[in-house]
Amino acid sequence: QVQLVQSGGGLAQTGGSLTLACAISGFSVTAYPMGWYRQAPGKERNLVAWISAAGNRTYSDVMKGRVTISRDATKNTVYLQMANLGPEDTDVYYCWTSTFGRWGQGTQVTVSA
């Protein structure tokens, strides 16, 4: 059974850093592409970062240069490292597998001014 379980996130100060994790069960993190999205209340989810099965990375313009997507095959987990955060980055963040059509449960990231 495919499951994505997120951890990390929480509260950060402006200029701070946070790392989100998405632990995967049911498939190998290195066999399929994975993405991270963010969503503000009442708005659609928007792509933050994407990693292909081959390991190629794509970043959205809004967070490019401030985020890094990575994966750990031994832990079967995909990560989103975020740096230089600002209040505008306050959102709920989700990991996503397009292959299996599943979202993680979401993680609130709140950045104080």
Protein backbone atom coordinates (compact mmCIF):
# COMPACT_ATOMS: atom_id res chain seq x y z
CA GLN A 1 0.00 0.00 0.00
CA VAL A 2 1.34 3.40 -0.97
CA GLN A 3 1.69 5.85 1.87
CA LEU A 4 3.44 9.18 2.25
CA VAL A 5 4.04 10.33 5.80
CA GLN A 6 5.39 13.82 6.30
CA SER A 7 7.41 15.21 9.18
CA GLY A 8 9.30 18.37 9.95
CA GLY A 9 8.11 21.87 9.35
CA GLY A 10 6.65 24.05 12.07
CA LEU A 11 7.66 27.56 13.05
CA ALA A 12 10.66 29.48 11.75
CA GLN A 13 11.84 33.05 11.96
CA THR A 14 12.47 35.20 8.92
CA GLY A 15 15.78 34.18 7.42
CA GLY A 16 15.62 30.79 9.06
CA SER A 17 15.63 27.28 7.68
CA LEU A 18 13.44 24.22 7.87
CA THR A 19 13.60 20.73 6.44
CA LEU A 20 10.57 18.69 5.52
CA ALA A 21 10.64 14.92 5.15
CA CYS A 22 8.30 12.58 3.33
CA ALA A 23 8.71 8.93 4.26
CA ILE A 24 7.47 6.60 1.56
CA SER A 25 6.07 3.11 1.78
CA GLY A 26 4.82 0.96 -1.08
CA PHE A 27 7.40 1.95 -3.67
CA SER A 28 11.05 2.94 -3.98
CA VAL A 29 11.85 6.65 -3.80
CA THR A 30 14.49 6.23 -6.50
CA ALA A 31 12.19 4.50 -8.98
CA TYR A 32 9.62 7.25 -9.48
CA PRO A 33 9.45 11.05 -9.57
CA MET A 34 8.42 12.97 -6.47
CA GLY A 35 7.32 16.52 -5.88
CA TRP A 36 6.77 19.06 -3.15
CA TYR A 37 3.88 21.52 -3.36
CA ARG A 38 2.61 24.33 -1.20
CA GLN A 39 -0.89 25.61 -0.64
CA ALA A 40 -2.31 28.74 0.92
CA PRO A 41 -5.81 28.69 2.40
CA GLY A 42 -8.42 28.81 -0.33
CA LYS A 43 -5.89 28.59 -3.11
CA GLU A 44 -4.61 25.81 -5.35
CA ARG A 45 -1.49 23.81 -4.67
CA ASN A 46 1.60 25.05 -6.45
CA LEU A 47 4.77 23.21 -7.30
CA VAL A 48 7.83 23.98 -5.20
CA ALA A 49 10.28 21.32 -6.31
CA TRP A 50 10.41 18.15 -8.35
CA ILE A 51 12.87 15.30 -8.61
CA SER A 52 12.70 12.80 -11.44
CA ALA A 53 13.41 9.11 -11.11
CA ALA A 54 16.81 9.81 -12.66
CA GLY A 55 17.51 12.44 -10.03
CA ASN A 56 17.02 15.54 -12.13
CA ARG A 57 15.70 18.48 -10.12
CA THR A 58 13.29 21.26 -11.04
CA TYR A 59 12.38 24.24 -8.89
CA SER A 60 9.63 26.80 -9.08
CA ASP A 61 10.69 30.39 -9.57
CA VAL A 62 9.11 31.51 -6.29
CA MET A 63 11.48 29.44 -4.17
CA LYS A 64 14.34 28.75 -6.54
CA GLY A 65 17.70 29.23 -4.91
CA ARG A 66 16.21 28.79 -1.45
CA VAL A 67 15.09 25.16 -1.57
CA THR A 68 16.72 21.84 -2.28
CA ILE A 69 14.91 18.61 -2.98
CA SER A 70 16.77 15.42 -2.20
CA ARG A 71 16.12 11.78 -1.47
CA ASP A 72 17.62 9.05 0.65
CA ALA A 73 17.24 5.55 -0.70
CA THR A 74 18.24 3.92 2.57
CA LYS A 75 15.40 5.70 4.39
CA ASN A 76 13.10 5.72 1.34
CA THR A 77 12.44 9.37 2.05
CA VAL A 78 12.36 12.56 0.04
CA TYR A 79 13.33 15.86 1.65
CA LEU A 80 12.76 19.53 1.07
CA GLN A 81 15.38 21.78 2.60
CA MET A 82 14.26 25.40 2.81
CA ALA A 83 16.47 28.34 3.65
CA ASN A 84 16.19 32.11 3.94
CA LEU A 85 12.50 31.78 4.71
CA GLY A 86 10.15 34.73 4.80
CA PRO A 87 6.57 35.25 5.97
CA GLU A 88 5.47 34.78 2.35
CA ASP A 89 6.55 31.15 2.62
CA THR A 90 3.91 30.44 5.23
CA ASP A 91 1.77 27.67 3.74
CA VAL A 92 0.91 24.02 4.05
CA TYR A 93 3.45 21.90 2.21
CA TYR A 94 2.66 18.53 0.62
CA CYS A 95 4.71 15.78 -0.96
CA TRP A 96 3.26 14.10 -4.01
CA THR A 97 3.69 11.04 -6.12
CA SER A 98 2.21 11.56 -9.57
CA THR A 99 2.72 7.91 -10.44
CA PHE A 100 0.48 6.69 -7.66
CA GLY A 101 -1.66 9.77 -7.28
CA ARG A 102 -1.07 10.19 -3.56
CA TRP A 103 -0.40 13.20 -1.38
CA GLY A 104 1.26 13.34 1.98
CA GLN A 105 -0.89 14.57 4.84
CA GLY A 106 0.51 18.09 4.66
CA THR A 107 2.83 20.02 6.96
CA GLN A 108 2.24 23.54 8.18
CA VAL A 109 5.16 25.91 7.77
CA THR A 110 4.80 29.25 9.53
CA VAL A 111 7.43 31.95 9.21
CA SER A 112 7.28 34.83 11.64
CA ALA A 113 8.36 38.32 10.67
